[in-house]
Amino acid sequence: MNFISRLDNLGQHNVSNAINSPSIKTRMNFSLELNRLGDSNGHNTDYNSIFSLVRKAVKSTIRKERVGLGLALADLPAQLGAFWEVGGNYIVMNRNLLDALKVANRSDTEVNSFVFVILMHEYLHSLGVLDENRAREMTARICATIFEEGHPAFEIGTKDPWQVYPFLMKIPNGNGGNLKFITNFDSDAVSYIM
């Protein structure tokens, strides 16, 4: 059962009421933009551009945003997509999961969609949605609102990512080491010359 069905079954419609539905044109733009990133990058993940889409999606649906976040990649346990420490300015994403998706020859659009969903979930935490289930439910609602059914971001966002890619649970567990900071992340938020 996906997160949206679970939420509806619980009768907790406050999440859906808080999310504004963008137009069909806007929905198509998010899909096309994420697909374009996959086509134009030659297997390099453009974290800044993906995060820019995350910020736009969240702002267009729940009317909240924040700036000044950083991103780092680390070798984390297989069941952990990423984390954001309360009060912190960095999202730390599991490099092992991304590498496993690439080794499994998943398309660039699938990899970018996975990154999009994981970043959105952690971004929602940074906006004050601290409850894990609520962050998952909001991620599912937003992805269902801005992507059409069948798009990888819709599938990953409305289901558990490890349900979509069960092989990810079998990758070796990392210990938090091998930290790599991503430069030029959240660059849309920088309005001054560095």
N, C-alpha and C. Protein backbone atom coordinates (compact mmCIF):
# COMPACT_ATOMS: atom_id res chain seq x y z
N MET A 1 0.85 -1.18 0.00
CA MET A 1 0.00 0.00 0.00
C MET A 1 0.90 1.24 0.00
N ASN A 2 0.59 2.21 -0.86
CA ASN A 2 1.40 3.41 -0.89
C ASN A 2 1.00 4.37 0.23
N PHE A 3 1.81 5.41 0.41
CA PHE A 3 1.59 6.34 1.52
C PHE A 3 0.28 7.11 1.37
N ILE A 4 -0.12 7.43 0.14
CA ILE A 4 -1.36 8.18 -0.06
C ILE A 4 -2.55 7.32 0.36
N SER A 5 -2.58 6.06 -0.07
CA SER A 5 -3.68 5.18 0.32
C SER A 5 -3.73 5.02 1.82
N ARG A 6 -2.57 4.84 2.44
CA ARG A 6 -2.53 4.69 3.89
C ARG A 6 -3.07 5.92 4.58
N LEU A 7 -2.69 7.08 4.07
CA LEU A 7 -3.16 8.33 4.65
C LEU A 7 -4.67 8.46 4.49
N ASP A 8 -5.19 8.17 3.30
CA ASP A 8 -6.63 8.27 3.07
C ASP A 8 -7.39 7.26 3.94
N ASN A 9 -6.84 6.07 4.08
CA ASN A 9 -7.49 5.06 4.91
C ASN A 9 -7.55 5.48 6.37
N LEU A 10 -6.58 6.26 6.81
CA LEU A 10 -6.58 6.74 8.19
C LEU A 10 -7.52 7.92 8.38
N GLY A 11 -7.99 8.47 7.26
CA GLY A 11 -8.90 9.61 7.35
C GLY A 11 -8.21 10.91 7.73
N GLN A 12 -6.91 10.99 7.52
CA GLN A 12 -6.17 12.19 7.87
C GLN A 12 -6.05 13.08 6.64
N HIS A 13 -7.09 13.81 6.35
CA HIS A 13 -7.11 14.62 5.13
C HIS A 13 -6.46 15.97 5.31
N ASN A 14 -5.93 16.25 6.50
CA ASN A 14 -5.29 17.54 6.71
C ASN A 14 -4.07 17.73 5.83
N VAL A 15 -3.38 16.65 5.47
CA VAL A 15 -2.23 16.77 4.59
C VAL A 15 -2.68 17.20 3.20
N SER A 16 -3.71 16.56 2.67
CA SER A 16 -4.16 16.92 1.32
C SER A 16 -4.74 18.32 1.31
N ASN A 17 -5.38 18.74 2.37
CA ASN A 17 -5.92 20.09 2.42
C ASN A 17 -4.82 21.15 2.43
N ALA A 18 -3.65 20.79 2.94
CA ALA A 18 -2.56 21.75 3.02
C ALA A 18 -1.80 21.87 1.71
N ILE A 19 -2.06 20.97 0.78
CA ILE A 19 -1.31 20.96 -0.48
C ILE A 19 -2.17 21.53 -1.59
N ASN A 20 -1.65 22.56 -2.22
CA ASN A 20 -2.35 23.21 -3.33
C ASN A 20 -2.00 22.47 -4.61
N SER A 21 -2.98 22.21 -5.43
CA SER A 21 -2.76 21.49 -6.68
C SER A 21 -2.34 22.44 -7.79
N PRO A 22 -1.14 22.23 -8.35
CA PRO A 22 -0.76 23.04 -9.49
C PRO A 22 -1.54 22.63 -10.73
N SER A 23 -1.50 23.47 -11.74
CA SER A 23 -2.22 23.18 -12.98
C SER A 23 -1.59 21.99 -13.69
N ILE A 24 -2.31 21.45 -14.66
CA ILE A 24 -1.78 20.35 -15.47
C ILE A 24 -0.52 20.79 -16.19
N LYS A 25 -0.48 22.04 -16.64
CA LYS A 25 0.71 22.55 -17.32
C LYS A 25 1.90 22.54 -16.37
N THR A 26 1.70 22.97 -15.13
CA THR A 26 2.78 22.96 -14.15
C THR A 26 3.23 21.54 -13.87
N ARG A 27 2.28 20.61 -13.77
CA ARG A 27 2.60 19.21 -13.54
C ARG A 27 3.49 18.68 -14.66
N MET A 28 3.13 18.99 -15.90
CA MET A 28 3.92 18.54 -17.04
C MET A 28 5.31 19.17 -17.01
N ASN A 29 5.40 20.43 -16.59
CA ASN A 29 6.70 21.11 -16.54
C ASN A 29 7.65 20.42 -15.57
N PHE A 30 7.17 20.00 -14.41
CA PHE A 30 8.03 19.31 -13.45
C PHE A 30 8.55 18.01 -14.05
N SER A 31 7.68 17.25 -14.70
CA SER A 31 8.09 15.99 -15.32
C SER A 31 9.10 16.23 -16.42
N LEU A 32 8.80 17.19 -17.29
CA LEU A 32 9.70 17.48 -18.41
C LEU A 32 11.05 17.98 -17.92
N GLU A 33 11.05 18.82 -16.90
CA GLU A 33 12.30 19.37 -16.38
C GLU A 33 13.15 18.28 -15.75
N LEU A 34 12.56 17.39 -14.98
CA LEU A 34 13.32 16.30 -14.37
C LEU A 34 13.83 15.35 -15.45
N ASN A 35 13.02 15.08 -16.47
CA ASN A 35 13.45 14.24 -17.59
C ASN A 35 14.59 14.91 -18.35
N ARG A 36 14.50 16.23 -18.55
CA ARG A 36 15.54 16.96 -19.28
C ARG A 36 16.88 16.87 -18.55
N LEU A 37 16.84 16.95 -17.24
CA LEU A 37 18.08 16.83 -16.47
C LEU A 37 18.73 15.48 -16.71
N GLY A 38 17.91 14.44 -16.83
CA GLY A 38 18.43 13.12 -17.10
C GLY A 38 19.03 13.01 -18.49
N ASP A 39 18.44 13.70 -19.45
CA ASP A 39 18.91 13.62 -20.83
C ASP A 39 20.17 14.44 -21.08
N SER A 40 20.35 15.53 -20.33
CA SER A 40 21.40 16.48 -20.67
C SER A 40 22.68 16.32 -19.87
N ASN A 41 22.68 15.47 -18.87
CA ASN A 41 23.82 15.45 -17.97
C ASN A 41 24.83 14.35 -18.21
N GLY A 42 24.57 13.44 -19.09
CA GLY A 42 25.54 12.39 -19.37
C GLY A 42 25.94 11.59 -18.14
N HIS A 43 25.00 11.10 -17.40
CA HIS A 43 25.20 10.25 -16.22
C HIS A 43 25.76 10.99 -15.01
N ASN A 44 25.90 12.29 -15.06
CA ASN A 44 26.30 13.07 -13.89
C ASN A 44 25.05 13.63 -13.23
N THR A 45 24.94 13.44 -11.95
CA THR A 45 23.77 13.92 -11.22
C THR A 45 23.95 15.39 -10.89
N ASP A 46 23.03 16.22 -11.35
CA ASP A 46 23.07 17.66 -11.09
C ASP A 46 22.22 17.94 -9.85
N TYR A 47 22.84 17.80 -8.69
CA TYR A 47 22.11 17.94 -7.43
C TYR A 47 21.50 19.32 -7.27
N ASN A 48 22.20 20.35 -7.70
CA ASN A 48 21.67 21.71 -7.56
C ASN A 48 20.39 21.89 -8.37
N SER A 49 20.39 21.44 -9.61
CA SER A 49 19.19 21.59 -10.45
C SER A 49 18.03 20.76 -9.92
N ILE A 50 18.33 19.57 -9.43
CA ILE A 50 17.26 18.74 -8.86
C ILE A 50 16.70 19.41 -7.62
N PHE A 51 17.58 19.94 -6.76
CA PHE A 51 17.10 20.60 -5.54
C PHE A 51 16.31 21.86 -5.87
N SER A 52 16.70 22.55 -6.93
CA SER A 52 15.93 23.73 -7.36
C SER A 52 14.50 23.32 -7.70
N LEU A 53 14.33 22.18 -8.36
CA LEU A 53 12.99 21.66 -8.65
C LEU A 53 12.25 21.27 -7.37
N VAL A 54 12.97 20.69 -6.42
CA VAL A 54 12.36 20.33 -5.13
C VAL A 54 11.81 21.58 -4.47
N ARG A 55 12.63 22.63 -4.41
CA ARG A 55 12.19 23.87 -3.76
C ARG A 55 10.97 24.45 -4.46
N LYS A 56 10.97 24.43 -5.80
CA LYS A 56 9.82 24.95 -6.55
C LYS A 56 8.57 24.12 -6.28
N ALA A 57 8.74 22.80 -6.25
CA ALA A 57 7.60 21.91 -6.01
C ALA A 57 7.00 22.14 -4.64
N VAL A 58 7.84 22.24 -3.64
CA VAL A 58 7.35 22.45 -2.27
C VAL A 58 6.71 23.82 -2.15
N LYS A 59 7.36 24.83 -2.72
CA LYS A 59 6.80 26.19 -2.63
C LYS A 59 5.46 26.27 -3.36
N SER A 60 5.34 25.60 -4.50
CA SER A 60 4.10 25.68 -5.27
C SER A 60 2.96 24.89 -4.64
N THR A 61 3.28 23.95 -3.76
CA THR A 61 2.24 23.12 -3.17
C THR A 61 1.91 23.47 -1.72
N ILE A 62 2.92 23.72 -0.89
CA ILE A 62 2.62 24.04 0.51
C ILE A 62 3.01 25.46 0.89
N ARG A 63 3.53 26.21 -0.09
CA ARG A 63 3.83 27.63 0.12
C ARG A 63 4.86 27.89 1.21
N LYS A 64 5.82 26.99 1.35
CA LYS A 64 6.91 27.18 2.30
C LYS A 64 8.23 26.99 1.58
N GLU A 65 9.25 27.67 2.10
CA GLU A 65 10.59 27.46 1.57
C GLU A 65 11.62 27.91 2.60
N ARG A 66 12.83 27.47 2.40
CA ARG A 66 13.97 27.96 3.18
C ARG A 66 15.18 27.89 2.28
N VAL A 67 16.19 28.65 2.62
CA VAL A 67 17.41 28.70 1.82
C VAL A 67 18.59 28.34 2.72
N GLY A 68 19.73 28.18 2.07
CA GLY A 68 20.96 27.99 2.82
C GLY A 68 21.27 26.56 3.21
N LEU A 69 20.72 25.59 2.51
CA LEU A 69 21.04 24.20 2.80
C LEU A 69 22.24 23.75 1.98
N GLY A 70 22.99 22.82 2.53
CA GLY A 70 24.08 22.19 1.83
C GLY A 70 23.79 20.71 1.67
N LEU A 71 24.58 20.07 0.82
CA LEU A 71 24.41 18.63 0.59
C LEU A 71 25.77 17.95 0.67
N ALA A 72 25.78 16.81 1.32
CA ALA A 72 26.96 15.96 1.36
C ALA A 72 26.51 14.54 1.03
N LEU A 73 27.41 13.78 0.45
CA LEU A 73 27.18 12.36 0.19
C LEU A 73 28.06 11.56 1.14
N ALA A 74 27.53 10.47 1.66
CA ALA A 74 28.29 9.62 2.57
C ALA A 74 27.85 8.18 2.39
N ASP A 75 28.70 7.27 2.86
CA ASP A 75 28.37 5.85 2.86
C ASP A 75 27.53 5.57 4.10
N LEU A 76 26.25 5.36 3.89
CA LEU A 76 25.30 5.18 4.99
C LEU A 76 24.70 3.77 4.95
N PRO A 77 24.03 3.34 6.01
CA PRO A 77 23.34 2.04 5.98
C PRO A 77 22.30 1.98 4.86
N ALA A 78 22.08 0.78 4.35
CA ALA A 78 21.21 0.59 3.18
C ALA A 78 19.79 1.08 3.38
N GLN A 79 19.28 1.03 4.61
CA GLN A 79 17.89 1.43 4.85
C GLN A 79 17.73 2.92 5.07
N LEU A 80 18.81 3.68 4.94
CA LEU A 80 18.76 5.12 5.17
C LEU A 80 19.06 5.87 3.87
N GLY A 81 18.04 6.58 3.34
CA GLY A 81 18.24 7.33 2.10
C GLY A 81 19.05 8.59 2.32
N ALA A 82 18.80 9.25 3.42
CA ALA A 82 19.49 10.50 3.76
C ALA A 82 19.07 10.89 5.17
N PHE A 83 19.72 11.92 5.69
CA PHE A 83 19.26 12.48 6.95
C PHE A 83 19.57 13.97 6.99
N TRP A 84 18.80 14.65 7.80
CA TRP A 84 18.99 16.07 8.10
C TRP A 84 18.91 16.20 9.61
N GLU A 85 19.94 16.78 10.21
CA GLU A 85 19.95 16.95 11.66
C GLU A 85 19.14 18.18 12.03
N VAL A 86 18.25 18.03 13.00
CA VAL A 86 17.40 19.15 13.42
C VAL A 86 18.27 20.35 13.76
N GLY A 87 17.94 21.48 13.15
CA GLY A 87 18.70 22.71 13.35
C GLY A 87 19.91 22.83 12.45
N GLY A 88 20.19 21.80 11.68
CA GLY A 88 21.37 21.80 10.83
C GLY A 88 21.13 22.44 9.48
N ASN A 89 22.20 22.59 8.74
CA ASN A 89 22.13 23.19 7.41
C ASN A 89 22.53 22.22 6.31
N TYR A 90 22.78 20.96 6.65
CA TYR A 90 23.20 19.98 5.65
C TYR A 90 22.28 18.78 5.60
N ILE A 91 21.99 18.38 4.37
CA ILE A 91 21.36 17.10 4.11
C ILE A 91 22.50 16.15 3.75
N VAL A 92 22.53 14.99 4.36
CA VAL A 92 23.55 13.98 4.03
C VAL A 92 22.83 12.82 3.35
N MET A 93 23.19 12.58 2.09
CA MET A 93 22.51 11.57 1.28
C MET A 93 23.39 10.33 1.14
N ASN A 94 22.75 9.18 1.04
CA ASN A 94 23.43 7.90 0.95
C ASN A 94 24.01 7.69 -0.46
N ARG A 95 25.32 7.84 -0.57
CA ARG A 95 26.01 7.65 -1.85
C ARG A 95 25.89 6.21 -2.34
N ASN A 96 25.88 5.24 -1.42
CA ASN A 96 25.81 3.83 -1.81
C ASN A 96 24.54 3.50 -2.58
N LEU A 97 23.42 4.11 -2.18
CA LEU A 97 22.16 3.87 -2.89
C LEU A 97 22.23 4.42 -4.31
N LEU A 98 22.79 5.61 -4.46
CA LEU A 98 22.91 6.21 -5.80
C LEU A 98 23.82 5.38 -6.68
N ASP A 99 24.95 4.94 -6.12
CA ASP A 99 25.88 4.11 -6.89
C ASP A 99 25.21 2.79 -7.30
N ALA A 100 24.42 2.21 -6.40
CA ALA A 100 23.74 0.94 -6.71
C ALA A 100 22.73 1.12 -7.83
N LEU A 101 22.01 2.23 -7.83
CA LEU A 101 21.06 2.50 -8.92
C LEU A 101 21.78 2.64 -10.25
N LYS A 102 22.93 3.31 -10.24
CA LYS A 102 23.69 3.50 -11.48
C LYS A 102 24.28 2.18 -11.97
N VAL A 103 24.80 1.37 -11.04
CA VAL A 103 25.37 0.07 -11.40
C VAL A 103 24.28 -0.85 -11.97
N ALA A 104 23.06 -0.70 -11.48
CA ALA A 104 21.93 -1.51 -11.96
C ALA A 104 21.39 -0.98 -13.29
N ASN A 105 22.10 -0.02 -13.88
CA ASN A 105 21.73 0.56 -15.17
C ASN A 105 20.35 1.19 -15.18
N ARG A 106 19.97 1.81 -14.08
CA ARG A 106 18.72 2.58 -14.05
C ARG A 106 18.93 3.84 -14.86
N SER A 107 17.90 4.31 -15.50
CA SER A 107 18.01 5.49 -16.36
C SER A 107 18.37 6.71 -15.53
N ASP A 108 18.91 7.72 -16.20
CA ASP A 108 19.23 8.97 -15.52
C ASP A 108 17.97 9.58 -14.91
N THR A 109 16.84 9.45 -15.61
CA THR A 109 15.59 9.99 -15.08
C THR A 109 15.20 9.27 -13.79
N GLU A 110 15.41 7.95 -13.73
CA GLU A 110 15.11 7.22 -12.50
C GLU A 110 16.02 7.65 -11.36
N VAL A 111 17.32 7.78 -11.64
CA VAL A 111 18.27 8.20 -10.60
C VAL A 111 17.91 9.61 -10.13
N ASN A 112 17.64 10.51 -11.07
CA ASN A 112 17.28 11.88 -10.69
C ASN A 112 15.97 11.92 -9.91
N SER A 113 15.04 11.06 -10.27
CA SER A 113 13.76 10.98 -9.55
C SER A 113 13.98 10.49 -8.12
N PHE A 114 14.85 9.51 -7.97
CA PHE A 114 15.18 9.01 -6.63
C PHE A 114 15.79 10.14 -5.79
N VAL A 115 16.75 10.85 -6.37
CA VAL A 115 17.38 11.98 -5.68
C VAL A 115 16.32 13.03 -5.33
N PHE A 116 15.44 13.33 -6.28
CA PHE A 116 14.37 14.31 -6.06
C PHE A 116 13.53 13.95 -4.84
N VAL A 117 13.09 12.70 -4.78
CA VAL A 117 12.20 12.27 -3.69
C VAL A 117 12.93 12.29 -2.35
N ILE A 118 14.16 11.79 -2.32
CA ILE A 118 14.93 11.77 -1.07
C ILE A 118 15.21 13.19 -0.60
N LEU A 119 15.61 14.08 -1.52
CA LEU A 119 15.86 15.47 -1.14
C LEU A 119 14.58 16.15 -0.67
N MET A 120 13.46 15.89 -1.33
CA MET A 120 12.21 16.51 -0.90
C MET A 120 11.86 16.09 0.52
N HIS A 121 11.99 14.82 0.81
CA HIS A 121 11.67 14.31 2.15
C HIS A 121 12.52 15.04 3.20
N GLU A 122 13.81 15.16 2.96
CA GLU A 122 14.69 15.82 3.93
C GLU A 122 14.45 17.33 3.97
N TYR A 123 14.13 17.91 2.82
CA TYR A 123 13.81 19.34 2.77
C TYR A 123 12.57 19.63 3.62
N LEU A 124 11.57 18.76 3.54
CA LEU A 124 10.37 18.93 4.37
C LEU A 124 10.73 18.87 5.86
N HIS A 125 11.65 17.97 6.23
CA HIS A 125 12.13 17.96 7.62
C HIS A 125 12.72 19.32 7.98
N SER A 126 13.52 19.88 7.08
CA SER A 126 14.18 21.16 7.37
C SER A 126 13.18 22.31 7.46
N LEU A 127 11.99 22.12 6.91
CA LEU A 127 10.93 23.13 7.00
C LEU A 127 10.08 22.95 8.26
N GLY A 128 10.45 21.99 9.08
CA GLY A 128 9.75 21.82 10.34
C GLY A 128 8.84 20.61 10.41
N VAL A 129 8.77 19.82 9.34
CA VAL A 129 7.97 18.60 9.36
C VAL A 129 8.87 17.50 9.95
N LEU A 130 8.91 17.41 11.26
CA LEU A 130 9.86 16.53 11.93
C LEU A 130 9.38 15.09 12.06
N ASP A 131 8.08 14.88 12.06
CA ASP A 131 7.54 13.53 12.16
C ASP A 131 7.82 12.77 10.86
N GLU A 132 8.46 11.61 10.99
CA GLU A 132 8.88 10.83 9.82
C GLU A 132 7.69 10.42 8.94
N ASN A 133 6.64 9.91 9.54
CA ASN A 133 5.47 9.49 8.75
C ASN A 133 4.81 10.67 8.06
N ARG A 134 4.72 11.79 8.73
CA ARG A 134 4.13 12.98 8.12
C ARG A 134 4.98 13.46 6.94
N ALA A 135 6.30 13.42 7.08
CA ALA A 135 7.18 13.81 5.97
C ALA A 135 7.00 12.87 4.79
N ARG A 136 6.86 11.58 5.05
CA ARG A 136 6.62 10.62 3.97
C ARG A 136 5.29 10.88 3.29
N GLU A 137 4.27 11.12 4.09
CA GLU A 137 2.94 11.37 3.54
C GLU A 137 2.92 12.64 2.70
N MET A 138 3.57 13.69 3.18
CA MET A 138 3.61 14.94 2.42
C MET A 138 4.42 14.77 1.15
N THR A 139 5.52 14.03 1.22
CA THR A 139 6.31 13.75 0.01
C THR A 139 5.44 13.02 -1.01
N ALA A 140 4.69 12.02 -0.55
CA ALA A 140 3.81 11.26 -1.44
C ALA A 140 2.76 12.17 -2.06
N ARG A 141 2.13 13.00 -1.27
CA ARG A 141 1.10 13.92 -1.77
C ARG A 141 1.67 14.88 -2.81
N ILE A 142 2.81 15.46 -2.49
CA ILE A 142 3.39 16.44 -3.43
C ILE A 142 3.78 15.74 -4.73
N CYS A 143 4.42 14.58 -4.65
CA CYS A 143 4.81 13.86 -5.87
C CYS A 143 3.59 13.46 -6.69
N ALA A 144 2.52 13.04 -6.02
CA ALA A 144 1.28 12.68 -6.73
C ALA A 144 0.62 13.91 -7.34
N THR A 145 0.88 15.07 -6.77
CA THR A 145 0.29 16.31 -7.27
C THR A 145 1.04 16.84 -8.48
N ILE A 146 2.37 16.72 -8.47
CA ILE A 146 3.16 17.38 -9.53
C ILE A 146 3.64 16.44 -10.63
N PHE A 147 3.56 15.13 -10.43
CA PHE A 147 3.98 14.19 -11.47
C PHE A 147 2.80 13.31 -11.87
N GLU A 148 2.79 12.93 -13.14
CA GLU A 148 1.74 12.04 -13.61
C GLU A 148 2.07 10.60 -13.21
N GLU A 149 1.04 9.81 -13.05
CA GLU A 149 1.22 8.40 -12.71
C GLU A 149 2.08 7.75 -13.78
N GLY A 150 3.02 6.93 -13.37
CA GLY A 150 3.93 6.28 -14.31
C GLY A 150 5.29 6.94 -14.36
N HIS A 151 5.38 8.21 -13.99
CA HIS A 151 6.69 8.87 -13.94
C HIS A 151 7.46 8.28 -12.76
N PRO A 152 8.78 8.04 -12.92
CA PRO A 152 9.54 7.46 -11.81
C PRO A 152 9.42 8.23 -10.49
N ALA A 153 9.36 9.55 -10.54
CA ALA A 153 9.23 10.33 -9.30
C ALA A 153 7.88 10.10 -8.63
N PHE A 154 6.84 9.88 -9.42
CA PHE A 154 5.53 9.54 -8.87
C PHE A 154 5.61 8.19 -8.16
N GLU A 155 6.20 7.21 -8.84
CA GLU A 155 6.27 5.85 -8.29
C GLU A 155 7.12 5.82 -7.02
N ILE A 156 8.29 6.43 -7.06
CA ILE A 156 9.20 6.42 -5.90
C ILE A 156 8.61 7.24 -4.76
N GLY A 157 7.98 8.35 -5.09
CA GLY A 157 7.45 9.24 -4.06
C GLY A 157 6.20 8.74 -3.37
N THR A 158 5.38 7.99 -4.09
CA THR A 158 4.12 7.52 -3.50
C THR A 158 4.23 6.13 -2.89
N LYS A 159 5.37 5.50 -3.08
CA LYS A 159 5.64 4.19 -2.47
C LYS A 159 6.92 4.32 -1.65
N ASP A 160 7.23 3.31 -0.94
CA ASP A 160 8.52 3.26 -0.26
C ASP A 160 9.59 3.04 -1.33
N PRO A 161 10.63 3.87 -1.39
CA PRO A 161 11.65 3.69 -2.43
C PRO A 161 12.26 2.29 -2.45
N TRP A 162 12.35 1.63 -1.29
CA TRP A 162 12.92 0.29 -1.23
C TRP A 162 11.92 -0.75 -1.72
N GLN A 163 10.66 -0.36 -1.83
CA GLN A 163 9.64 -1.22 -2.43
C GLN A 163 9.78 -1.16 -3.95
N VAL A 164 10.09 0.01 -4.46
CA VAL A 164 10.29 0.18 -5.91
C VAL A 164 11.59 -0.48 -6.34
N TYR A 165 12.64 -0.36 -5.53
CA TYR A 165 13.96 -0.92 -5.83
C TYR A 165 14.40 -1.82 -4.68
N PRO A 166 13.82 -3.03 -4.56
CA PRO A 166 14.14 -3.89 -3.41
C PRO A 166 15.62 -4.29 -3.33
N PHE A 167 16.33 -4.28 -4.45
CA PHE A 167 17.74 -4.64 -4.43
C PHE A 167 18.57 -3.67 -3.60
N LEU A 168 18.04 -2.47 -3.33
CA LEU A 168 18.79 -1.49 -2.54
C LEU A 168 18.98 -1.95 -1.09
N MET A 169 18.10 -2.80 -0.60
CA MET A 169 18.24 -3.30 0.78
C MET A 169 19.41 -4.27 0.91
N LYS A 170 19.92 -4.75 -0.22
CA LYS A 170 20.99 -5.76 -0.18
C LYS A 170 22.38 -5.17 -0.38
N ILE A 171 22.47 -3.85 -0.53
CA ILE A 171 23.79 -3.26 -0.71
C ILE A 171 24.53 -3.26 0.62
N PRO A 172 25.86 -3.25 0.58
CA PRO A 172 26.62 -3.22 1.84
C PRO A 172 26.31 -1.96 2.64
N ASN A 173 26.24 -2.13 3.95
CA ASN A 173 25.99 -1.00 4.84
C ASN A 173 27.23 -0.14 4.98
N GLY A 174 27.03 1.16 4.90
CA GLY A 174 28.11 2.09 5.17
C GLY A 174 28.10 2.49 6.63
N ASN A 175 29.17 3.16 7.04
CA ASN A 175 29.29 3.56 8.44
C ASN A 175 29.28 5.07 8.62
N GLY A 176 28.86 5.79 7.59
CA GLY A 176 28.82 7.25 7.68
C GLY A 176 30.09 7.91 7.20
N GLY A 177 31.04 7.12 6.77
CA GLY A 177 32.33 7.66 6.34
C GLY A 177 32.31 8.11 4.89
N ASN A 178 33.49 8.49 4.42
CA ASN A 178 33.69 8.90 3.03
C ASN A 178 32.78 10.06 2.65
N LEU A 179 32.77 11.08 3.49
CA LEU A 179 31.90 12.24 3.30
C LEU A 179 32.42 13.13 2.17
N LYS A 180 31.53 13.48 1.25
CA LYS A 180 31.89 14.37 0.14
C LYS A 180 30.87 15.50 0.10
N PHE A 181 31.35 16.73 0.20
CA PHE A 181 30.47 17.89 0.14
C PHE A 181 30.24 18.28 -1.31
N ILE A 182 28.99 18.54 -1.65
CA ILE A 182 28.63 18.93 -3.01
C ILE A 182 28.73 20.45 -3.12
N THR A 183 29.52 20.90 -4.07
CA THR A 183 29.68 22.35 -4.27
C THR A 183 28.53 22.88 -5.12
N ASN A 184 28.29 24.15 -5.03
CA ASN A 184 27.24 24.83 -5.80
C ASN A 184 25.85 24.23 -5.57
N PHE A 185 25.58 23.81 -4.34
CA PHE A 185 24.27 23.28 -4.00
C PHE A 185 23.41 24.41 -3.45
N ASP A 186 22.14 24.43 -3.82
CA ASP A 186 21.20 25.48 -3.41
C ASP A 186 21.71 26.84 -3.87
N SER A 187 22.30 26.86 -5.07
CA SER A 187 22.89 28.11 -5.57
C SER A 187 21.84 29.14 -5.94
N ASP A 188 20.59 28.73 -6.15
CA ASP A 188 19.53 29.71 -6.42
C ASP A 188 19.33 30.64 -5.23
N ALA A 189 19.70 30.17 -4.04
CA ALA A 189 19.48 30.95 -2.83
C ALA A 189 20.58 31.99 -2.60
N VAL A 190 21.69 31.86 -3.31
CA VAL A 190 22.81 32.78 -3.12
C VAL A 190 22.59 34.01 -3.98
N SER A 191 22.43 35.16 -3.33
CA SER A 191 22.15 36.38 -4.08
C SER A 191 23.31 37.37 -4.02
N TYR A 192 24.46 36.91 -3.59
CA TYR A 192 25.62 37.79 -3.51
C TYR A 192 26.80 37.09 -4.16
N ILE A 193 27.83 37.88 -4.48
CA ILE A 193 29.01 37.34 -5.14
C ILE A 193 29.94 36.77 -4.08
N MET A 194 30.38 35.55 -4.29
CA MET A 194 31.28 34.90 -3.32
C MET A 194 32.71 35.05 -3.76
